[in-house]
Protein backbone atom coordinates (compact mmCIF):
# COMPACT_ATOMS: atom_id res chain seq x y z
CA MET A 1 -6.42 14.24 25.94
CA SER A 2 -3.01 14.61 24.35
CA SER A 3 -3.06 14.46 20.56
CA PRO A 4 -3.15 10.81 19.41
CA LEU A 5 -1.11 11.75 16.37
CA PRO A 6 0.83 14.93 17.19
CA GLN A 7 2.64 14.85 13.86
CA ALA A 8 -0.55 15.35 11.84
CA LYS A 9 -1.43 18.87 10.69
CA PRO A 10 -4.64 19.89 8.86
CA SER A 11 -2.66 21.85 6.29
CA ALA A 12 -0.81 18.69 5.33
CA LEU A 13 -3.93 16.92 4.02
CA LEU A 14 -5.06 17.02 0.45
CA PRO A 15 -7.09 20.23 -0.16
CA ASP A 16 -10.25 18.18 -0.62
CA PRO A 17 -10.26 15.22 1.80
CA ASP A 18 -12.84 13.46 -0.39
CA ALA A 19 -10.99 13.96 -3.67
CA PRO A 20 -9.80 10.79 -5.41
CA ALA A 21 -6.12 10.05 -4.96
CA PRO A 22 -4.37 7.01 -6.40
CA TYR A 23 -2.29 5.87 -3.45
CA THR A 24 -2.64 5.61 0.30
CA PHE A 25 0.31 7.91 1.04
CA GLU A 26 -1.49 10.72 -0.79
CA ARG A 27 -4.83 9.92 0.80
CA VAL A 28 -3.68 10.29 4.36
CA GLN A 29 -1.21 13.14 4.88
CA ARG A 30 2.06 14.49 3.57
CA ASP A 31 3.18 16.16 6.77
CA SER A 32 6.66 17.60 6.95
CA ASP A 33 7.62 15.90 10.21
CA GLY A 34 7.04 12.32 9.14
CA GLY A 35 3.75 11.25 10.71
CA GLU A 36 2.67 9.03 7.82
CA VAL A 37 6.22 7.77 7.30
CA ALA A 38 6.36 6.78 10.98
CA ARG A 39 3.05 4.95 10.67
CA LEU A 40 4.24 3.07 7.58
CA GLU A 41 7.39 2.03 9.41
CA ALA A 42 5.42 0.83 12.45
CA GLN A 43 3.00 -1.09 10.23
CA ASN A 44 5.82 -2.81 8.36
CA LEU A 45 7.62 -3.75 11.57
CA LEU A 46 4.45 -5.42 12.80
CA PHE A 47 3.78 -7.18 9.49
CA GLU A 48 7.37 -8.42 9.55
CA LYS A 49 6.51 -10.50 12.62
CA ALA A 50 4.50 -12.73 10.25
CA ARG A 51 7.75 -13.40 8.31
CA PRO A 52 6.30 -12.54 4.89
CA LEU A 53 9.55 -12.95 2.98
CA ASP A 54 9.58 -16.62 3.98
CA GLN A 55 6.79 -16.98 1.40
CA LEU A 56 9.08 -15.95 -1.48
CA PRO A 57 10.69 -18.44 -3.86
CA PRO A 58 14.51 -18.48 -4.01
CA THR A 59 16.19 -15.67 -5.93
CA PRO A 60 19.67 -16.07 -7.51
CA PRO A 61 22.31 -14.14 -5.51
CA ASP A 62 23.16 -12.26 -8.72
CA GLY A 63 19.51 -11.79 -9.66
CA ALA A 64 17.45 -8.66 -10.24
CA ILE A 65 14.54 -7.58 -8.01
CA LEU A 66 11.94 -4.86 -8.56
CA ASP A 67 10.19 -3.43 -5.48
CA LEU A 68 7.06 -1.84 -6.92
CA GLY A 69 5.66 0.87 -4.66
CA SER A 70 8.79 0.70 -2.52
CA GLY A 71 7.78 3.48 -0.14
CA THR A 72 10.34 4.13 2.57
CA GLY A 73 12.49 1.20 1.45
CA PHE A 74 11.58 -0.97 4.45
CA TRP A 75 11.05 -4.12 2.37
CA SER A 76 13.64 -3.04 -0.19
CA ALA A 77 16.36 -3.32 2.44
CA ARG A 78 15.26 -6.87 3.26
CA LEU A 79 15.01 -7.81 -0.41
CA ALA A 80 18.54 -6.49 -1.02
CA GLU A 81 19.88 -9.26 1.20
CA ARG A 82 18.56 -11.83 -1.30
CA VAL A 83 20.67 -10.48 -4.20
CA PRO A 84 24.05 -9.47 -2.71
CA ARG A 85 25.72 -9.69 -6.15
CA GLY A 86 22.70 -8.58 -8.14
CA SER A 87 20.53 -5.51 -8.48
CA LEU A 88 17.55 -3.97 -6.73
CA THR A 89 15.23 -1.41 -8.34
CA CYS A 90 12.90 0.68 -6.19
CA LEU A 91 9.91 2.25 -7.95
CA ASP A 92 7.54 4.76 -6.41
CA ARG A 93 5.57 7.80 -7.54
CA SER A 94 6.67 9.79 -4.47
CA GLY A 95 10.09 11.42 -4.75
CA GLU A 96 10.00 12.01 -1.00
CA LEU A 97 9.68 8.31 -0.28
CA LEU A 98 12.29 7.38 -2.88
CA ASP A 99 14.73 9.71 -1.13
CA LEU A 100 14.10 7.83 2.12
CA ALA A 101 14.63 4.50 0.37
CA ARG A 102 17.84 5.77 -1.22
CA THR A 103 19.20 6.85 2.17
CA ARG A 104 18.37 3.43 3.56
CA LEU A 105 19.92 1.42 0.74
CA GLU A 106 22.96 3.28 -0.53
CA ARG A 107 25.67 1.64 1.51
CA PRO A 108 28.79 -0.30 0.52
CA GLY A 109 28.62 -4.03 0.07
CA GLY A 110 25.06 -4.38 -1.16
CA PRO A 111 23.55 -4.94 -4.59
CA ARG A 112 23.46 -2.33 -7.31
CA THR A 113 20.48 -0.04 -6.73
CA ALA A 114 18.29 2.07 -8.98
CA PHE A 115 15.44 4.40 -8.04
CA LEU A 116 12.63 5.02 -10.53
CA LEU A 117 10.13 7.85 -10.11
CA GLN A 118 7.16 6.43 -12.02
CA ASP A 119 3.39 6.27 -11.78
CA LEU A 120 2.04 2.73 -11.76
CA ARG A 121 -0.55 3.82 -14.32
CA ALA A 122 2.21 4.76 -16.77
CA LEU A 123 4.95 2.20 -16.18
CA ASP A 124 8.03 2.16 -18.37
CA LEU A 125 9.98 -0.98 -17.49
CA PRO A 126 12.36 -3.08 -19.59
CA GLN A 127 10.99 -6.42 -20.74
CA GLY A 128 12.48 -9.64 -19.38
CA ALA A 129 14.55 -7.79 -16.77
CA PHE A 130 13.64 -9.11 -13.30
CA ASP A 131 13.89 -12.41 -11.44
CA LEU A 132 11.39 -11.14 -8.85
CA VAL A 133 8.75 -8.41 -8.89
CA PHE A 134 7.56 -7.62 -5.35
CA THR A 135 4.59 -5.52 -4.20
CA SER A 136 3.26 -4.85 -0.70
CA MET A 137 -0.03 -2.99 -0.13
CA THR A 138 0.33 -1.26 -3.50
CA LEU A 139 -1.95 -2.86 -6.08
CA ALA A 140 -5.00 -2.53 -3.79
CA HIS A 141 -4.93 1.19 -4.53
CA VAL A 142 -4.55 1.00 -8.33
CA ARG A 143 -7.68 0.97 -10.44
CA GLU A 144 -5.88 0.00 -13.66
CA LEU A 145 -5.00 -3.40 -12.19
CA GLU A 146 -5.00 -5.52 -15.36
CA GLU A 147 -2.85 -3.06 -17.30
CA VAL A 148 -0.32 -2.92 -14.46
CA LEU A 149 -0.15 -6.72 -14.15
CA ASN A 150 0.26 -7.09 -17.91
CA HIS A 151 3.26 -4.76 -17.78
CA LEU A 152 4.77 -6.51 -14.76
CA ALA A 153 4.43 -9.94 -16.38
CA ARG A 154 6.36 -8.69 -19.41
CA ALA A 155 9.06 -7.28 -17.12
CA LEU A 156 9.79 -10.73 -15.67
CA LYS A 157 12.65 -12.84 -16.94
CA PRO A 158 11.67 -16.30 -18.20
CA GLY A 159 11.28 -18.30 -14.99
CA GLY A 160 10.96 -15.10 -12.93
CA TRP A 161 8.39 -14.67 -10.16
CA ILE A 162 5.87 -12.04 -9.17
CA ALA A 163 4.87 -11.84 -5.48
CA CYS A 164 2.01 -9.54 -4.47
CA PHE A 165 1.41 -9.03 -0.74
CA GLU A 166 -2.06 -7.48 -0.95
CA PRO A 167 -5.41 -7.69 0.89
CA VAL A 168 -8.01 -10.44 0.67
CA GLN A 169 -11.62 -9.82 1.67
CA GLN A 170 -11.62 -12.57 4.29
CA SER A 171 -9.08 -10.55 6.28
CA ARG A 172 -10.66 -7.15 5.68
CA ARG A 173 -9.52 -5.82 9.04
CA PHE A 174 -6.07 -7.41 8.73
CA ALA A 175 -6.41 -8.47 12.39
CA GLU A 176 -8.90 -10.13 14.71
CA ILE A 177 -8.91 -8.69 18.21
CA HIS A 178 -9.43 -10.53 21.51
CA PRO A 179 -10.87 -9.85 23.96
CA PRO A 180 -13.47 -7.90 21.97
CA CYS A 181 -12.87 -4.14 21.80
CA PRO A 182 -16.13 -2.64 20.45
CA ASN A 183 -14.81 0.90 20.10
CA LEU A 184 -11.72 -0.23 18.23
CA ASP A 185 -13.82 -2.49 15.98
CA PHE A 186 -16.12 0.45 15.26
CA LEU A 187 -13.21 2.72 14.32
CA MET A 188 -11.63 0.09 12.10
CA ASP A 189 -14.91 -0.56 10.29
CA ARG A 190 -15.41 3.18 9.64
CA LEU A 191 -11.82 3.46 8.48
CA LEU A 192 -12.13 0.56 6.06
CA ASP A 193 -15.45 1.88 4.75
CA MET A 194 -13.64 5.14 3.98
CA VAL A 195 -10.74 3.36 2.28
CA GLU A 196 -13.11 1.39 0.06
CA SER A 197 -15.18 4.48 -0.75
CA ARG A 198 -12.00 6.14 -2.03
CA GLY A 199 -11.37 3.37 -4.54
CA SER A 200 -9.15 0.86 -2.72
CA ASP A 201 -9.93 -2.82 -3.32
CA LEU A 202 -9.71 -4.98 -0.20
CA SER A 203 -10.32 -8.18 -2.17
CA VAL A 204 -7.68 -7.49 -4.79
CA SER A 205 -5.59 -10.63 -4.16
CA LEU A 206 -8.18 -12.93 -5.73
CA LYS A 207 -8.34 -10.66 -8.78
CA ILE A 208 -4.55 -10.66 -9.05
CA ALA A 209 -4.46 -14.47 -8.97
CA HIS A 210 -7.22 -14.70 -11.58
CA HIS A 211 -5.54 -12.28 -13.97
CA LEU A 212 -2.06 -13.80 -13.64
CA ASP A 213 -3.61 -17.18 -14.40
CA ARG A 214 -5.30 -15.77 -17.51
CA LEU A 215 -1.99 -14.28 -18.63
CA GLY A 216 -0.54 -17.79 -18.80
CA LEU A 217 1.79 -17.54 -15.82
CA GLU A 218 2.53 -20.80 -14.04
CA GLU A 219 2.32 -22.06 -10.44
CA VAL A 220 -0.20 -19.35 -9.56
CA ALA A 221 -0.98 -19.57 -5.85
CA LEU A 222 -2.77 -17.51 -3.22
CA ARG A 223 -1.38 -18.21 0.24
CA ASN A 224 -2.64 -16.97 3.59
CA TYR A 225 -0.29 -16.54 6.51
CA GLY A 226 -0.12 -14.49 9.68
CA ALA A 227 1.11 -13.95 13.20
CA ALA A 228 -0.46 -13.52 16.63
CA LEU A 229 0.58 -10.32 18.40
CA HIS A 230 0.33 -10.26 22.17
CA GLY A 231 0.94 -7.81 24.97
CA GLU A 232 3.30 -4.98 24.05
CA ASP A 233 3.39 -5.87 20.34
CA ALA A 234 -0.41 -5.67 20.22
CA ARG A 235 -0.40 -2.37 22.10
CA VAL A 236 2.17 -0.93 19.68
CA CYS A 237 -0.06 -1.95 16.77
CA LEU A 238 -2.99 -0.18 18.40
CA ARG A 239 -1.00 2.93 19.36
CA ASP A 240 1.23 3.37 16.31
CA VAL A 241 -0.84 1.92 13.45
CA PHE A 242 -4.58 1.56 14.04
CA LEU A 243 -5.30 4.75 15.99
CA PRO A 244 -3.09 7.01 13.82
CA LEU A 245 -4.84 5.64 10.73
CA ALA A 246 -8.25 6.38 12.22
CA TRP A 247 -7.10 9.89 13.19
CA ALA A 248 -5.68 10.68 9.76
CA TYR A 249 -8.66 9.43 7.76
CA LEU A 250 -11.63 10.32 9.97
CA ARG A 251 -10.86 13.51 11.86
CA HIS A 252 -12.24 15.88 9.21
CA ARG A 253 -15.43 13.85 8.83
CA TRP A 254 -16.55 13.63 12.44
CA GLU A 255 -17.86 16.35 14.73
CA PRO A 256 -15.10 18.01 16.83
CA GLY A 257 -14.26 15.94 19.88
CA LEU A 258 -16.28 12.89 18.84
CA LEU A 259 -13.38 11.01 17.26
CA GLU A 260 -11.07 11.85 20.18
CA ARG A 261 -13.60 10.42 22.65
CA ARG A 262 -14.03 7.27 20.59
CA MET A 263 -10.25 6.83 20.37
CA GLU A 264 -9.87 7.36 24.12
CA ALA A 265 -12.47 4.65 24.70
CA ALA A 266 -10.69 2.29 22.30
CA ALA A 267 -7.38 2.82 24.10
CA ARG A 268 -8.99 2.24 27.51
CA GLU A 269 -10.75 -0.98 26.58
CA ALA A 270 -7.59 -2.68 25.24
CA PRO A 271 -6.63 -4.93 28.19
CA ALA A 272 -2.87 -4.55 28.49
CA PRO A 273 -0.96 -6.82 28.90
CA HIS A 274 -3.55 -9.38 27.75
CA LEU A 275 -4.56 -7.99 24.35
CA TRP A 276 -4.22 -10.37 21.38
CA LEU A 277 -4.26 -9.47 17.69
CA ASP A 278 -4.40 -12.21 15.06
CA LEU A 279 -2.66 -10.52 12.14
CA ARG A 280 -3.73 -11.89 8.74
CA ARG A 281 -1.99 -11.45 5.42
CA ALA A 282 -1.96 -13.02 1.95
CA VAL A 283 0.46 -13.29 -0.96
CA THR A 284 -0.25 -14.09 -4.60
CA LEU A 285 2.63 -15.84 -6.38
CA ALA A 286 3.11 -16.68 -10.05
CA ARG A 287 6.02 -17.61 -12.34
CA ARG A 288 6.62 -16.65 -15.94
CA PRO A 289 7.19 -19.78 -18.04
CA ALA A 290 10.88 -20.50 -18.60
């Protein structure tokens, strides 16, 4: 078969594929031709179909937003539209990804932008600075969750909001598939087992809500939302997100050829154009008292 992820190269993986690494981008691959970046972009485009930013509270047009774990700047660019006369700060521990976000955002007519190269485990943010702190698939991979949330709560302005788009255990797979695709289900279960074994927390949203409540933030809420993908959208999710993830995480842990055969079977059993994916997401919201 042709390579399911031609961008991936063994030399691009971490030297020890089982070594702990704090963030997903480091756990998968840092290939020079953008394989992981392309997967992140495809994933975000699909998640955007669930209209996640509709879940956000209003932000003043001259307000200040922090995108924590901004990655390629996909969500940063959308958040910038909420503060045309304000400021947007992108924070990530990857200089490579911050460069991509900078390229995406530095254009005339938008908000003031800043790009912070920081580790979430050693944040250095001003207190009372932001109207909105936004995260997407970031806090699930941070073991020092309470310390990070404490710091983020202090960084909010009085009346400012934190919005964390992170996993909940009920939607462990992020999507239900119909008609059933046993090979794809098997791959996704092995993939998620691997993610959890490496320290990611797929029930982190409930813990975020609990801790923000304990911190004394107000209007704490955990909301579920989603979108049904059908036909070509579902096939794109399979081709550009699920299978590349399985390839990147599992290929060094299976016997040669076994993963390729399982992926071929998963691709064959998906009944185009009648495949449906029920995409599930959650957001935790809380407001600092005014």
